[in-house]
Amino acid sequence: MSPRPRKVSDDDVFAATYRTMVRLGPGELTLAEIAAEAGVTAGALVQRFGSKRELLLALSAGAASSAGDLIRGLRATARSPLAAVRAYVDCMAQLAASPAALARNLAYLQIDLADPDFRKHLLVQSRATRRGLEELLDEARAKGEIVRSTDVVRLARSVETILSGTMLTWAVYRDGSAKQWMRDDLEAVLAPYLARRRSGSGKSA
């Protein structure tokens, strides 16, 4: 008797959906592509989620509910709060691993901004990320990494803003990697607030 096939969980489907979205833009993304990646049939996905849109909304809702986990995870392994901020920048840079990758991610962002149901989840995710950055910077202030007078709420907003802008600017010039551009611009934003100037280039370790 052959063994029963392993049940594919919703989390398995979401992971497969994300992997497929990394390869394909919104116009190319189909339930058949996602199903092939997940090891199920497209009909099984329809039965479970109803449609591609509902599957993507479920994926978006999950990302929103776990948005703070990324920054907490980075802080758990980083040697300092500012090191965690720099690690977050490196994670964000993966969205622009190449000009084509960034174009795909911007296409999905366009949907998030234009569709109210998707934007609702995007807003939750963005607010959680902003709070996570504020907490890291507040801890950095308490530990003496940045000056005591720093307005961490304003600085977190500046960090968030510069990273998004840098990705777009890099996409125009394409000089070096987006990751290095984002690291450099982060350091430019942090420089006036650093309590102790570091030796060397000032780039993250």
Protein backbone atom coordinates (compact mmCIF):
# COMPACT_ATOMS: atom_id res chain seq x y z
CA MET A 1 0.00 0.00 0.00
CA SER A 2 1.46 3.37 -0.97
CA PRO A 3 1.76 5.97 1.78
CA ARG A 4 -0.88 8.68 1.98
CA PRO A 5 0.33 11.96 0.50
CA ARG A 6 1.43 14.60 2.95
CA LYS A 7 -1.26 17.17 3.62
CA VAL A 8 -0.24 20.57 2.28
CA SER A 9 -0.98 23.18 4.94
CA ASP A 10 -2.04 26.77 4.33
CA ASP A 11 1.43 27.85 5.39
CA ASP A 12 2.91 25.54 2.75
CA VAL A 13 0.66 27.12 0.14
CA PHE A 14 1.59 30.63 1.29
CA ALA A 15 5.30 29.80 1.09
CA ALA A 16 4.82 28.38 -2.40
CA THR A 17 2.84 31.47 -3.41
CA TYR A 18 5.63 33.74 -2.21
CA ARG A 19 8.26 31.71 -4.09
CA THR A 20 6.17 31.94 -7.24
CA MET A 21 5.70 35.69 -6.82
CA VAL A 22 9.48 36.08 -6.62
CA ARG A 23 9.68 34.57 -10.12
CA LEU A 24 6.55 35.96 -11.73
CA GLY A 25 4.83 39.32 -11.87
CA PRO A 26 1.08 39.80 -11.27
CA GLY A 27 0.20 39.33 -14.94
CA GLU A 28 2.00 35.98 -15.10
CA LEU A 29 0.95 34.66 -11.70
CA THR A 30 -1.72 31.96 -11.98
CA LEU A 31 -3.25 29.43 -9.64
CA ALA A 32 -1.73 26.74 -11.87
CA GLU A 33 1.78 28.13 -11.29
CA ILE A 34 1.19 28.36 -7.55
CA ALA A 35 -0.31 24.88 -7.43
CA ALA A 36 2.66 23.39 -9.26
CA GLU A 37 5.02 25.03 -6.77
CA ALA A 38 2.95 23.82 -3.81
CA GLY A 39 2.54 20.28 -5.14
CA VAL A 40 -1.26 20.41 -5.35
CA THR A 41 -3.82 20.97 -8.09
CA ALA A 42 -5.24 24.32 -9.07
CA GLY A 43 -8.68 22.89 -8.27
CA ALA A 44 -7.55 22.16 -4.72
CA LEU A 45 -6.54 25.81 -4.32
CA VAL A 46 -9.89 26.99 -5.66
CA GLN A 47 -11.66 24.67 -3.24
CA ARG A 48 -9.61 25.99 -0.32
CA PHE A 49 -9.33 29.71 -1.12
CA GLY A 50 -11.94 30.40 -3.82
CA SER A 51 -9.76 32.39 -6.24
CA LYS A 52 -6.28 33.73 -6.83
CA ARG A 53 -7.32 37.09 -5.36
CA GLU A 54 -8.60 35.48 -2.17
CA LEU A 55 -5.40 33.45 -1.86
CA LEU A 56 -3.29 36.59 -2.26
CA LEU A 57 -5.46 38.42 0.29
CA ALA A 58 -4.95 35.57 2.76
CA LEU A 59 -1.19 35.77 2.14
CA SER A 60 -1.31 39.54 2.67
CA ALA A 61 -3.27 39.16 5.90
CA GLY A 62 -0.73 36.68 7.21
CA ALA A 63 2.14 39.00 6.37
CA ALA A 64 0.38 41.83 8.19
CA SER A 65 -0.28 39.78 11.33
CA SER A 66 3.36 38.66 11.57
CA ALA A 67 4.99 41.92 10.47
CA GLY A 68 6.70 42.53 13.80
CA ASP A 69 8.26 39.06 13.85
CA LEU A 70 10.96 39.97 11.32
CA ILE A 71 12.39 42.85 13.33
CA ARG A 72 12.12 40.92 16.61
CA GLY A 73 13.97 38.04 14.99
CA LEU A 74 16.70 40.33 13.71
CA ARG A 75 17.09 41.88 17.15
CA ALA A 76 17.39 38.44 18.76
CA THR A 77 20.49 37.66 16.70
CA ALA A 78 22.04 41.13 16.35
CA ARG A 79 24.75 42.34 18.70
CA SER A 80 23.05 45.72 19.18
CA PRO A 81 19.84 47.54 18.24
CA LEU A 82 21.56 49.53 15.48
CA ALA A 83 23.02 46.31 14.12
CA ALA A 84 19.44 45.03 13.90
CA VAL A 85 18.42 48.17 11.98
CA ARG A 86 21.26 47.55 9.54
CA ALA A 87 20.23 43.90 9.22
CA TYR A 88 16.70 45.05 8.41
CA VAL A 89 18.10 47.17 5.59
CA ASP A 90 19.82 44.12 4.14
CA CYS A 91 16.51 42.23 4.26
CA MET A 92 14.73 45.08 2.49
CA ALA A 93 17.43 45.12 -0.17
CA GLN A 94 16.36 41.64 -1.25
CA LEU A 95 13.32 43.30 -2.85
CA ALA A 96 15.74 44.92 -5.28
CA ALA A 97 18.10 42.02 -5.86
CA SER A 98 17.91 42.99 -9.53
CA PRO A 99 16.08 45.64 -11.58
CA ALA A 100 13.67 42.93 -12.77
CA ALA A 101 12.98 41.79 -9.21
CA LEU A 102 12.27 45.35 -8.12
CA ALA A 103 9.93 45.86 -11.09
CA ARG A 104 7.96 42.76 -10.07
CA ASN A 105 7.73 43.91 -6.47
CA LEU A 106 6.59 47.37 -7.54
CA ALA A 107 3.87 45.77 -9.67
CA TYR A 108 2.57 43.93 -6.61
CA LEU A 109 2.87 47.13 -4.57
CA GLN A 110 0.68 48.88 -7.14
CA ILE A 111 -2.05 46.34 -6.40
CA ASP A 112 -1.58 46.85 -2.65
CA LEU A 113 -2.00 50.60 -3.06
CA ALA A 114 -4.89 50.55 -5.52
CA ASP A 115 -7.07 47.81 -4.02
CA PRO A 116 -8.61 48.82 -0.64
CA ASP A 117 -8.67 45.24 0.64
CA PHE A 118 -4.97 44.77 -0.01
CA ARG A 119 -4.10 48.26 1.22
CA LYS A 120 -5.73 47.50 4.57
CA HIS A 121 -3.20 44.72 5.16
CA LEU A 122 -0.33 46.80 3.79
CA LEU A 123 -1.12 49.56 6.27
CA VAL A 124 -1.15 47.13 9.22
CA GLN A 125 2.16 45.67 8.08
CA SER A 126 3.74 49.09 7.56
CA ARG A 127 2.64 50.39 10.95
CA ALA A 128 4.03 47.30 12.68
CA THR A 129 7.33 47.73 10.86
CA ARG A 130 7.48 51.41 11.83
CA ARG A 131 6.85 50.50 15.47
CA GLY A 132 9.59 47.90 15.29
CA LEU A 133 12.07 50.47 13.99
CA GLU A 134 11.02 52.92 16.69
CA GLU A 135 11.63 50.27 19.36
CA LEU A 136 15.08 49.48 17.98
CA LEU A 137 16.02 53.14 17.87
CA ASP A 138 14.61 53.73 21.35
CA GLU A 139 16.76 50.88 22.62
CA ALA A 140 19.75 52.31 20.74
CA ARG A 141 19.16 55.63 22.48
CA ALA A 142 18.93 53.94 25.89
CA LYS A 143 22.16 52.01 25.23
CA GLY A 144 24.02 55.12 24.13
CA GLU A 145 24.36 54.22 20.46
CA ILE A 146 22.51 57.36 19.42
CA VAL A 147 22.30 60.66 21.27
CA ARG A 148 19.76 61.05 24.06
CA SER A 149 17.97 63.94 22.38
CA THR A 150 17.07 61.86 19.32
CA ASP A 151 13.41 61.91 18.32
CA VAL A 152 13.16 58.19 17.56
CA VAL A 153 9.66 58.47 16.06
CA ARG A 154 10.87 60.99 13.51
CA LEU A 155 14.09 59.09 12.85
CA ALA A 156 12.21 55.82 12.27
CA ARG A 157 10.05 57.58 9.70
CA SER A 158 13.16 58.97 8.01
CA VAL A 159 14.76 55.53 7.88
CA GLU A 160 11.60 54.01 6.40
CA THR A 161 11.30 56.80 3.84
CA ILE A 162 14.92 56.81 2.71
CA LEU A 163 14.95 53.05 2.12
CA SER A 164 11.96 53.18 -0.22
CA GLY A 165 13.35 56.19 -2.05
CA THR A 166 16.79 54.65 -2.37
CA MET A 167 15.44 51.54 -4.09
CA LEU A 168 13.76 53.67 -6.74
CA THR A 169 16.81 55.87 -7.22
CA TRP A 170 19.07 52.85 -7.57
CA ALA A 171 16.71 51.40 -10.18
CA VAL A 172 17.33 54.52 -12.31
CA TYR A 173 21.12 54.67 -11.97
CA ARG A 174 21.91 50.96 -11.44
CA ASP A 175 25.41 51.79 -10.24
CA GLY A 176 26.52 48.96 -7.97
CA SER A 177 23.97 47.05 -5.90
CA ALA A 178 20.77 48.31 -4.31
CA LYS A 179 21.97 46.76 -1.06
CA GLN A 180 25.06 48.98 -0.96
CA TRP A 181 23.05 52.06 -1.89
CA MET A 182 20.61 51.36 0.91
CA ARG A 183 23.40 50.75 3.41
CA ASP A 184 25.12 53.99 2.42
CA ASP A 185 21.94 56.06 2.63
CA LEU A 186 21.02 54.54 5.99
CA GLU A 187 24.41 55.60 7.37
CA ALA A 188 23.87 59.11 6.02
CA VAL A 189 20.55 59.31 7.86
CA LEU A 190 21.98 57.89 11.10
CA ALA A 191 25.24 59.89 11.07
CA PRO A 192 23.96 63.06 12.82
CA TYR A 193 22.48 60.97 15.64
CA LEU A 194 25.37 58.62 16.40
CA ALA A 195 26.68 59.10 19.92
CA ARG A 196 30.05 57.56 19.14
CA ARG A 197 31.60 57.94 15.70
CA ARG A 198 32.80 54.59 14.44
CA SER A 199 36.13 54.14 12.76
CA GLY A 200 36.42 53.03 9.17
CA SER A 201 33.81 53.48 6.49
CA GLY A 202 30.82 53.47 8.83
CA LYS A 203 29.16 50.63 6.96
CA SER A 204 27.53 47.74 8.73
CA ALA A 205 29.47 44.71 9.74
